[in-house]
Amino acid sequence: MKKYVCDVCGYIYDPAEGDPDAGVQPQTAFEDLAEDWVCPICGAGKDDFSVVE
């Protein structure tokens, strides 16, 4: 699964880790995150993330 980086603050969403503080289980693909999920660091929305190449 691909990692995604927040274009605002540089946070990396790693599907292997998920986002436990937001109740997102490990192995959750970025595409499967809720539409209202936001960056845990700066609060940016999913539209502000890019694929890590």
Protein backbone atom coordinates (compact mmCIF):
# COMPACT_ATOMS: atom_id res chain seq x y z
CA MET A 1 0.00 0.00 0.00
CA LYS A 2 1.17 3.49 -0.82
CA LYS A 3 2.16 6.11 1.74
CA TYR A 4 0.81 9.65 1.46
CA VAL A 5 2.40 12.92 2.59
CA CYS A 6 0.55 16.00 3.81
CA ASP A 7 1.45 18.86 1.47
CA VAL A 8 0.87 21.34 4.31
CA CYS A 9 3.01 19.97 7.16
CA GLY A 10 4.88 16.92 5.84
CA TYR A 11 3.09 14.28 7.96
CA ILE A 12 3.32 10.84 6.32
CA TYR A 13 0.26 8.59 6.46
CA ASP A 14 1.59 5.03 6.54
CA PRO A 15 -1.14 2.43 5.98
CA ALA A 16 0.92 -0.15 7.88
CA GLU A 17 0.47 1.97 11.01
CA GLY A 18 -2.95 3.55 10.37
CA ASP A 19 -3.93 6.44 12.65
CA PRO A 20 -4.68 4.85 16.05
CA ASP A 21 -5.48 8.21 17.69
CA ALA A 22 -8.33 8.66 15.17
CA GLY A 23 -9.46 5.03 15.41
CA VAL A 24 -7.96 4.04 12.05
CA GLN A 25 -6.72 0.46 12.20
CA PRO A 26 -3.33 -0.62 10.77
CA GLN A 27 -3.49 -1.86 7.16
CA THR A 28 -6.12 0.79 6.24
CA ALA A 29 -5.41 2.13 2.76
CA PHE A 30 -5.49 5.91 2.34
CA GLU A 31 -8.33 5.51 -0.15
CA ASP A 32 -10.38 3.75 2.55
CA LEU A 33 -10.07 6.57 5.09
CA ALA A 34 -13.31 8.43 5.82
CA GLU A 35 -13.84 11.49 3.62
CA ASP A 36 -13.80 13.67 6.75
CA TRP A 37 -10.47 12.25 8.01
CA VAL A 38 -7.90 15.01 8.56
CA CYS A 39 -4.16 15.17 9.11
CA PRO A 40 -3.50 14.45 12.80
CA ILE A 41 -0.80 17.16 12.90
CA CYS A 42 -2.28 20.16 11.07
CA GLY A 43 -5.90 19.27 10.30
CA ALA A 44 -5.55 19.36 6.50
CA GLY A 45 -8.08 17.32 4.53
CA LYS A 46 -7.40 14.32 2.31
CA ASP A 47 -7.23 16.61 -0.74
CA ASP A 48 -4.03 18.10 0.69
CA PHE A 49 -2.14 14.78 0.53
CA SER A 50 0.07 13.42 -2.26
CA VAL A 51 1.41 9.94 -2.96
CA VAL A 52 4.95 9.37 -1.66
CA GLU A 53 6.98 8.27 -4.69
